[in-house]
Protein backbone atom coordinates (compact mmCIF):
# COMPACT_ATOMS: atom_id res chain seq x y z
CA UNK A 1 0.00 0.00 0.00
CA UNK A 2 1.37 3.39 -0.97
CA UNK A 3 1.45 5.96 1.83
CA UNK A 4 -0.22 9.27 1.04
CA UNK A 5 1.73 12.45 1.71
CA UNK A 6 0.24 15.90 2.17
CA UNK A 7 1.27 18.38 -0.53
CA UNK A 8 4.56 19.91 0.66
CA UNK A 9 3.76 23.23 -1.02
CA UNK A 10 0.85 23.77 1.35
CA UNK A 11 3.11 23.45 4.37
CA UNK A 12 6.29 25.34 3.46
CA UNK A 13 4.98 28.65 4.74
CA UNK A 14 4.21 27.04 8.10
CA UNK A 15 7.53 25.28 8.64
CA UNK A 16 10.42 27.09 6.99
CA UNK A 17 13.19 24.51 7.31
CA UNK A 18 14.91 22.34 4.68
CA UNK A 19 12.96 19.23 3.65
CA UNK A 20 15.73 16.89 4.87
CA UNK A 21 15.62 18.42 8.38
CA UNK A 22 11.82 18.33 8.37
CA UNK A 23 11.86 14.63 7.45
CA UNK A 24 14.33 13.84 10.23
CA UNK A 25 12.24 15.72 12.79
CA UNK A 26 9.07 14.04 11.55
CA UNK A 27 10.71 10.63 12.03
CA UNK A 28 11.71 11.57 15.56
CA UNK A 29 8.20 12.86 16.29
CA UNK A 30 6.70 9.65 14.89
CA UNK A 31 8.80 7.61 17.33
CA UNK A 32 7.65 9.85 20.18
CA UNK A 33 4.02 9.64 19.05
CA UNK A 34 4.25 5.84 18.84
CA UNK A 35 5.76 5.63 22.32
CA UNK A 36 3.15 8.03 23.66
CA UNK A 37 0.35 6.04 22.07
CA UNK A 38 1.75 2.85 23.63
CA UNK A 39 1.95 4.53 27.03
CA UNK A 40 -1.61 5.84 26.67
CA UNK A 41 -2.81 2.28 26.04
CA UNK A 42 -0.86 1.03 29.06
CA UNK A 43 -2.49 3.67 31.24
CA UNK A 44 -5.95 2.68 30.02
CA UNK A 45 -5.19 -1.01 30.60
CA UNK A 46 -4.06 -0.23 34.14
CA UNK A 47 -7.08 2.07 34.65
CA UNK A 48 -9.37 -0.85 33.89
CA UNK A 49 -7.44 -3.45 35.91
CA UNK A 50 -6.10 -1.65 38.97
CA UNK A 51 -7.14 -3.12 42.31
CA UNK A 52 -6.09 -2.78 45.90
CA UNK A 53 -6.02 -0.22 48.69
CA UNK A 54 -5.36 2.71 46.32
CA UNK A 55 -7.92 1.75 43.69
CA UNK A 56 -9.93 4.98 43.70
CA UNK A 57 -6.97 7.36 43.51
CA UNK A 58 -5.01 5.29 40.97
CA UNK A 59 -8.09 4.65 38.81
CA UNK A 60 -8.58 8.43 38.55
CA UNK A 61 -4.86 9.21 38.15
CA UNK A 62 -4.45 6.69 35.33
CA UNK A 63 -7.41 8.15 33.46
CA UNK A 64 -6.15 11.72 33.88
CA UNK A 65 -2.67 10.82 32.64
CA UNK A 66 -4.11 8.85 29.70
CA UNK A 67 -6.08 11.95 28.66
CA UNK A 68 -2.97 14.14 28.81
CA UNK A 69 -1.03 11.62 26.74
CA UNK A 70 -3.82 11.29 24.16
CA UNK A 71 -3.64 15.08 23.68
CA UNK A 72 0.14 14.75 23.20
CA UNK A 73 -0.37 12.16 20.47
CA UNK A 74 -2.73 14.56 18.70
CA UNK A 75 -0.27 17.47 19.00
CA UNK A 76 2.63 15.32 17.75
CA UNK A 77 0.60 13.98 14.82
CA UNK A 78 -0.45 17.48 13.78
CA UNK A 79 3.15 18.68 13.88
CA UNK A 80 4.25 15.67 11.82
CA UNK A 81 1.77 16.71 9.13
CA UNK A 82 3.00 20.31 9.33
CA UNK A 83 6.50 18.97 8.66
CA UNK A 84 5.21 17.38 5.45
CA UNK A 85 5.05 13.77 6.65
CA UNK A 86 2.39 11.26 7.66
CA UNK A 87 1.79 10.24 11.28
CA UNK A 88 2.53 6.55 11.73
CA UNK A 89 0.32 5.95 14.74
CA UNK A 90 -2.07 3.23 13.64
CA UNK A 91 -2.10 0.31 16.10
CA UNK A 92 0.03 -1.85 13.80
CA UNK A 93 2.59 0.98 13.45
CA UNK A 94 2.73 1.44 17.21
CA UNK A 95 3.07 -2.27 17.95
CA UNK A 96 5.83 -2.68 15.36
CA UNK A 97 7.87 0.45 15.96
CA UNK A 98 7.24 1.98 19.38
CA UNK A 99 10.43 2.43 21.37
CA UNK A 100 8.31 1.59 24.44
CA UNK A 101 7.00 -1.93 24.75
CA UNK A 102 3.53 -2.78 26.01
CA UNK A 103 3.04 -4.07 29.54
CA UNK A 104 1.99 -7.67 30.04
CA UNK A 105 -1.64 -8.18 29.11
CA UNK A 106 -2.51 -9.74 32.45
CA UNK A 107 -3.47 -7.97 35.63
CA UNK A 108 -0.45 -6.60 37.51
CA UNK A 109 -0.49 -5.42 41.10
CA UNK A 110 -0.64 -1.66 41.53
CA UNK A 111 3.03 -1.30 42.55
CA UNK A 112 4.13 -3.12 39.39
CA UNK A 113 1.85 -0.87 37.34
CA UNK A 114 3.36 2.24 38.89
CA UNK A 115 6.91 0.96 38.42
CA UNK A 116 6.20 0.27 34.73
CA UNK A 117 4.72 3.74 34.25
CA UNK A 118 7.58 5.48 36.06
CA UNK A 119 10.20 3.74 33.92
CA UNK A 120 8.26 4.60 30.75
CA UNK A 121 8.09 8.28 31.71
CA UNK A 122 11.80 8.36 32.54
CA UNK A 123 12.60 6.79 29.14
CA UNK A 124 10.41 9.33 27.38
CA UNK A 125 11.96 12.24 29.28
CA UNK A 126 15.38 11.10 28.05
CA UNK A 127 14.13 10.70 24.47
CA UNK A 128 12.35 14.05 24.55
CA UNK A 129 15.39 15.85 25.98
CA UNK A 130 17.50 14.51 23.12
CA UNK A 131 14.84 15.42 20.55
CA UNK A 132 14.61 18.96 21.94
CA UNK A 133 18.36 19.47 21.57
CA UNK A 134 18.22 18.10 18.01
CA UNK A 135 15.22 20.20 16.93
CA UNK A 136 16.02 22.84 14.35
CA UNK A 137 12.44 24.10 14.22
CA UNK A 138 11.35 26.35 17.10
CA UNK A 139 7.79 25.04 16.89
CA UNK A 140 8.96 21.47 17.40
CA UNK A 141 11.29 22.50 20.24
CA UNK A 142 8.45 24.38 21.96
CA UNK A 143 6.01 21.48 21.57
CA UNK A 144 8.52 18.97 22.93
CA UNK A 145 9.42 21.25 25.84
CA UNK A 146 5.77 21.40 26.89
CA UNK A 147 5.45 17.63 26.54
CA UNK A 148 8.63 16.86 28.52
CA UNK A 149 7.35 19.03 31.38
CA UNK A 150 4.16 16.95 31.50
CA UNK A 151 6.17 13.70 31.55
CA UNK A 152 8.38 15.03 34.33
CA UNK A 153 5.31 15.92 36.37
CA UNK A 154 3.65 12.55 35.72
CA UNK A 155 6.87 10.72 36.69
CA UNK A 156 7.04 12.75 39.90
CA UNK A 157 3.41 11.91 40.76
CA UNK A 158 4.01 8.22 40.13
CA UNK A 159 7.26 8.22 42.13
CA UNK A 160 5.47 9.94 45.02
CA UNK A 161 2.71 7.31 44.83
CA UNK A 162 5.36 4.57 45.14
CA UNK A 163 7.09 6.22 48.10
CA UNK A 164 7.17 3.97 51.10
CA UNK A 165 6.24 0.76 49.27
C-alpha atoms as a PDB file:
ATOM      1  CA  UNK A   1       0.000   0.000   0.000  1.00  0.00           C
ATOM      2  CA  UNK A   2       1.371   3.390  -0.966  1.00  0.00           C
ATOM      3  CA  UNK A   3       1.453   5.960   1.833  1.00  0.00           C
ATOM      4  CA  UNK A   4      -0.218   9.273   1.036  1.00  0.00           C
ATOM      5  CA  UNK A   5       1.735  12.454   1.712  1.00  0.00           C
ATOM      6  CA  UNK A   6       0.239  15.899   2.166  1.00  0.00           C
ATOM      7  CA  UNK A   7       1.272  18.377  -0.526  1.00  0.00           C
ATOM      8  CA  UNK A   8       4.556  19.911   0.659  1.00  0.00           C
ATOM      9  CA  UNK A   9       3.763  23.228  -1.022  1.00  0.00           C
ATOM     10  CA  UNK A  10       0.848  23.770   1.355  1.00  0.00           C
ATOM     11  CA  UNK A  11       3.111  23.447   4.370  1.00  0.00           C
ATOM     12  CA  UNK A  12       6.294  25.335   3.460  1.00  0.00           C
ATOM     13  CA  UNK A  13       4.977  28.647   4.737  1.00  0.00           C
ATOM     14  CA  UNK A  14       4.205  27.045   8.104  1.00  0.00           C
ATOM     15  CA  UNK A  15       7.527  25.277   8.638  1.00  0.00           C
ATOM     16  CA  UNK A  16      10.424  27.093   6.994  1.00  0.00           C
ATOM     17  CA  UNK A  17      13.189  24.514   7.305  1.00  0.00           C
ATOM     18  CA  UNK A  18      14.905  22.340   4.682  1.00  0.00           C
ATOM     19  CA  UNK A  19      12.963  19.227   3.646  1.00  0.00           C
ATOM     20  CA  UNK A  20      15.730  16.888   4.873  1.00  0.00           C
ATOM     21  CA  UNK A  21      15.622  18.425   8.376  1.00  0.00           C
ATOM     22  CA  UNK A  22      11.825  18.331   8.371  1.00  0.00           C
ATOM     23  CA  UNK A  23      11.855  14.635   7.447  1.00  0.00           C
ATOM     24  CA  UNK A  24      14.331  13.835  10.231  1.00  0.00           C
ATOM     25  CA  UNK A  25      12.244  15.721  12.793  1.00  0.00           C
ATOM     26  CA  UNK A  26       9.065  14.036  11.552  1.00  0.00           C
ATOM     27  CA  UNK A  27      10.709  10.630  12.027  1.00  0.00           C
ATOM     28  CA  UNK A  28      11.706  11.565  15.564  1.00  0.00           C
ATOM     29  CA  UNK A  29       8.204  12.860  16.293  1.00  0.00           C
ATOM     30  CA  UNK A  30       6.704   9.654  14.893  1.00  0.00           C
ATOM     31  CA  UNK A  31       8.804   7.609  17.330  1.00  0.00           C
ATOM     32  CA  UNK A  32       7.653   9.853  20.176  1.00  0.00           C
ATOM     33  CA  UNK A  33       4.022   9.637  19.047  1.00  0.00           C
ATOM     34  CA  UNK A  34       4.252   5.838  18.844  1.00  0.00           C
ATOM     35  CA  UNK A  35       5.761   5.630  22.323  1.00  0.00           C
ATOM     36  CA  UNK A  36       3.149   8.034  23.660  1.00  0.00           C
ATOM     37  CA  UNK A  37       0.352   6.037  22.070  1.00  0.00           C
ATOM     38  CA  UNK A  38       1.748   2.848  23.626  1.00  0.00           C
ATOM     39  CA  UNK A  39       1.952   4.532  27.029  1.00  0.00           C
ATOM     40  CA  UNK A  40      -1.613   5.841  26.665  1.00  0.00           C
ATOM     41  CA  UNK A  41      -2.812   2.282  26.038  1.00  0.00           C
ATOM     42  CA  UNK A  42      -0.857   1.029  29.056  1.00  0.00           C
ATOM     43  CA  UNK A  43      -2.494   3.672  31.237  1.00  0.00           C
ATOM     44  CA  UNK A  44      -5.953   2.685  30.022  1.00  0.00           C
ATOM     45  CA  UNK A  45      -5.189  -1.012  30.598  1.00  0.00           C
ATOM     46  CA  UNK A  46      -4.064  -0.231  34.136  1.00  0.00           C
ATOM     47  CA  UNK A  47      -7.079   2.067  34.650  1.00  0.00           C
ATOM     48  CA  UNK A  48      -9.365  -0.852  33.887  1.00  0.00           C
ATOM     49  CA  UNK A  49      -7.445  -3.454  35.907  1.00  0.00           C
ATOM     50  CA  UNK A  50      -6.099  -1.650  38.974  1.00  0.00           C
ATOM     51  CA  UNK A  51      -7.144  -3.116  42.314  1.00  0.00           C
ATOM     52  CA  UNK A  52      -6.093  -2.781  45.904  1.00  0.00           C
ATOM     53  CA  UNK A  53      -6.018  -0.216  48.689  1.00  0.00           C
ATOM     54  CA  UNK A  54      -5.356   2.710  46.320  1.00  0.00           C
ATOM     55  CA  UNK A  55      -7.921   1.750  43.689  1.00  0.00           C
ATOM     56  CA  UNK A  56      -9.931   4.978  43.697  1.00  0.00           C
ATOM     57  CA  UNK A  57      -6.970   7.362  43.513  1.00  0.00           C
ATOM     58  CA  UNK A  58      -5.011   5.290  40.966  1.00  0.00           C
ATOM     59  CA  UNK A  59      -8.091   4.649  38.808  1.00  0.00           C
ATOM     60  CA  UNK A  60      -8.584   8.425  38.553  1.00  0.00           C
ATOM     61  CA  UNK A  61      -4.858   9.207  38.152  1.00  0.00           C
ATOM     62  CA  UNK A  62      -4.448   6.693  35.333  1.00  0.00           C
ATOM     63  CA  UNK A  63      -7.414   8.147  33.457  1.00  0.00           C
ATOM     64  CA  UNK A  64      -6.151  11.722  33.879  1.00  0.00           C
ATOM     65  CA  UNK A  65      -2.670  10.816  32.640  1.00  0.00           C
ATOM     66  CA  UNK A  66      -4.109   8.854  29.704  1.00  0.00           C
ATOM     67  CA  UNK A  67      -6.078  11.949  28.663  1.00  0.00           C
ATOM     68  CA  UNK A  68      -2.974  14.135  28.810  1.00  0.00           C
ATOM     69  CA  UNK A  69      -1.026  11.622  26.737  1.00  0.00           C
ATOM     70  CA  UNK A  70      -3.817  11.293  24.164  1.00  0.00           C
ATOM     71  CA  UNK A  71      -3.640  15.076  23.683  1.00  0.00           C
ATOM     72  CA  UNK A  72       0.143  14.754  23.204  1.00  0.00           C
ATOM     73  CA  UNK A  73      -0.374  12.156  20.466  1.00  0.00           C
ATOM     74  CA  UNK A  74      -2.726  14.563  18.704  1.00  0.00           C
ATOM     75  CA  UNK A  75      -0.269  17.467  18.996  1.00  0.00           C
ATOM     76  CA  UNK A  76       2.628  15.324  17.749  1.00  0.00           C
ATOM     77  CA  UNK A  77       0.596  13.977  14.820  1.00  0.00           C
ATOM     78  CA  UNK A  78      -0.450  17.481  13.779  1.00  0.00           C
ATOM     79  CA  UNK A  79       3.154  18.680  13.879  1.00  0.00           C
ATOM     80  CA  UNK A  80       4.252  15.675  11.823  1.00  0.00           C
ATOM     81  CA  UNK A  81       1.773  16.705   9.134  1.00  0.00           C
ATOM     82  CA  UNK A  82       3.002  20.313   9.328  1.00  0.00           C
ATOM     83  CA  UNK A  83       6.500  18.970   8.664  1.00  0.00           C
ATOM     84  CA  UNK A  84       5.205  17.381   5.446  1.00  0.00           C
ATOM     85  CA  UNK A  85       5.046  13.771   6.645  1.00  0.00           C
ATOM     86  CA  UNK A  86       2.392  11.260   7.659  1.00  0.00           C
ATOM     87  CA  UNK A  87       1.795  10.245  11.281  1.00  0.00           C
ATOM     88  CA  UNK A  88       2.532   6.546  11.731  1.00  0.00           C
ATOM     89  CA  UNK A  89       0.316   5.954  14.741  1.00  0.00           C
ATOM     90  CA  UNK A  90      -2.075   3.235  13.639  1.00  0.00           C
ATOM     91  CA  UNK A  91      -2.102   0.315  16.097  1.00  0.00           C
ATOM     92  CA  UNK A  92       0.030  -1.847  13.797  1.00  0.00           C
ATOM     93  CA  UNK A  93       2.590   0.979  13.452  1.00  0.00           C
ATOM     94  CA  UNK A  94       2.732   1.439  17.207  1.00  0.00           C
ATOM     95  CA  UNK A  95       3.070  -2.273  17.945  1.00  0.00           C
ATOM     96  CA  UNK A  96       5.834  -2.678  15.361  1.00  0.00           C
ATOM     97  CA  UNK A  97       7.867   0.450  15.956  1.00  0.00           C
ATOM     98  CA  UNK A  98       7.235   1.977  19.377  1.00  0.00           C
ATOM     99  CA  UNK A  99      10.433   2.429  21.369  1.00  0.00           C
ATOM    100  CA  UNK A 100       8.307   1.588  24.439  1.00  0.00           C
ATOM    101  CA  UNK A 101       7.002  -1.930  24.755  1.00  0.00           C
ATOM    102  CA  UNK A 102       3.533  -2.778  26.014  1.00  0.00           C
ATOM    103  CA  UNK A 103       3.038  -4.069  29.539  1.00  0.00           C
ATOM    104  CA  UNK A 104       1.989  -7.671  30.038  1.00  0.00           C
ATOM    105  CA  UNK A 105      -1.640  -8.183  29.107  1.00  0.00           C
ATOM    106  CA  UNK A 106      -2.510  -9.736  32.451  1.00  0.00           C
ATOM    107  CA  UNK A 107      -3.466  -7.966  35.630  1.00  0.00           C
ATOM    108  CA  UNK A 108      -0.450  -6.598  37.505  1.00  0.00           C
ATOM    109  CA  UNK A 109      -0.487  -5.416  41.097  1.00  0.00           C
ATOM    110  CA  UNK A 110      -0.639  -1.663  41.532  1.00  0.00           C
ATOM    111  CA  UNK A 111       3.026  -1.300  42.547  1.00  0.00           C
ATOM    112  CA  UNK A 112       4.131  -3.119  39.387  1.00  0.00           C
ATOM    113  CA  UNK A 113       1.849  -0.872  37.345  1.00  0.00           C
ATOM    114  CA  UNK A 114       3.362   2.242  38.887  1.00  0.00           C
ATOM    115  CA  UNK A 115       6.911   0.955  38.417  1.00  0.00           C
ATOM    116  CA  UNK A 116       6.204   0.267  34.726  1.00  0.00           C
ATOM    117  CA  UNK A 117       4.721   3.736  34.252  1.00  0.00           C
ATOM    118  CA  UNK A 118       7.578   5.475  36.058  1.00  0.00           C
ATOM    119  CA  UNK A 119      10.200   3.742  33.923  1.00  0.00           C
ATOM    120  CA  UNK A 120       8.258   4.598  30.754  1.00  0.00           C
ATOM    121  CA  UNK A 121       8.086   8.278  31.711  1.00  0.00           C
ATOM    122  CA  UNK A 122      11.804   8.358  32.536  1.00  0.00           C
ATOM    123  CA  UNK A 123      12.596   6.786  29.144  1.00  0.00           C
ATOM    124  CA  UNK A 124      10.412   9.332  27.375  1.00  0.00           C
ATOM    125  CA  UNK A 125      11.957  12.241  29.285  1.00  0.00           C
ATOM    126  CA  UNK A 126      15.377  11.105  28.049  1.00  0.00           C
ATOM    127  CA  UNK A 127      14.125  10.698  24.473  1.00  0.00           C
ATOM    128  CA  UNK A 128      12.346  14.051  24.549  1.00  0.00           C
ATOM    129  CA  UNK A 129      15.387  15.847  25.976  1.00  0.00           C
ATOM    130  CA  UNK A 130      17.496  14.508  23.123  1.00  0.00           C
ATOM    131  CA  UNK A 131      14.838  15.421  20.547  1.00  0.00           C
ATOM    132  CA  UNK A 132      14.607  18.964  21.935  1.00  0.00           C
ATOM    133  CA  UNK A 133      18.358  19.472  21.569  1.00  0.00           C
ATOM    134  CA  UNK A 134      18.219  18.095  18.008  1.00  0.00           C
ATOM    135  CA  UNK A 135      15.216  20.198  16.934  1.00  0.00           C
ATOM    136  CA  UNK A 136      16.018  22.842  14.351  1.00  0.00           C
ATOM    137  CA  UNK A 137      12.439  24.100  14.216  1.00  0.00           C
ATOM    138  CA  UNK A 138      11.353  26.345  17.104  1.00  0.00           C
ATOM    139  CA  UNK A 139       7.787  25.042  16.891  1.00  0.00           C
ATOM    140  CA  UNK A 140       8.964  21.475  17.399  1.00  0.00           C
ATOM    141  CA  UNK A 141      11.288  22.502  20.241  1.00  0.00           C
ATOM    142  CA  UNK A 142       8.446  24.383  21.957  1.00  0.00           C
ATOM    143  CA  UNK A 143       6.008  21.484  21.570  1.00  0.00           C
ATOM    144  CA  UNK A 144       8.520  18.970  22.931  1.00  0.00           C
ATOM    145  CA  UNK A 145       9.425  21.253  25.843  1.00  0.00           C
ATOM    146  CA  UNK A 146       5.770  21.403  26.893  1.00  0.00           C
ATOM    147  CA  UNK A 147       5.452  17.632  26.543  1.00  0.00           C
ATOM    148  CA  UNK A 148       8.627  16.857  28.525  1.00  0.00           C
ATOM    149  CA  UNK A 149       7.345  19.034  31.377  1.00  0.00           C
ATOM    150  CA  UNK A 150       4.162  16.947  31.497  1.00  0.00           C
ATOM    151  CA  UNK A 151       6.168  13.704  31.547  1.00  0.00           C
ATOM    152  CA  UNK A 152       8.382  15.030  34.331  1.00  0.00           C
ATOM    153  CA  UNK A 153       5.308  15.921  36.375  1.00  0.00           C
ATOM    154  CA  UNK A 154       3.654  12.552  35.722  1.00  0.00           C
ATOM    155  CA  UNK A 155       6.865  10.718  36.693  1.00  0.00           C
ATOM    156  CA  UNK A 156       7.043  12.748  39.900  1.00  0.00           C
ATOM    157  CA  UNK A 157       3.407  11.914  40.758  1.00  0.00           C
ATOM    158  CA  UNK A 158       4.011   8.220  40.130  1.00  0.00           C
ATOM    159  CA  UNK A 159       7.257   8.219  42.129  1.00  0.00           C
ATOM    160  CA  UNK A 160       5.472   9.936  45.017  1.00  0.00           C
ATOM    161  CA  UNK A 161       2.713   7.308  44.831  1.00  0.00           C
ATOM    162  CA  UNK A 162       5.357   4.571  45.135  1.00  0.00           C
ATOM    163  CA  UNK A 163       7.088   6.224  48.097  1.00  0.00           C
ATOM    164  CA  UNK A 164       7.173   3.968  51.101  1.00  0.00           C
ATOM    165  CA  UNK A 165       6.243   0.760  49.269  1.00  0.00           C
END
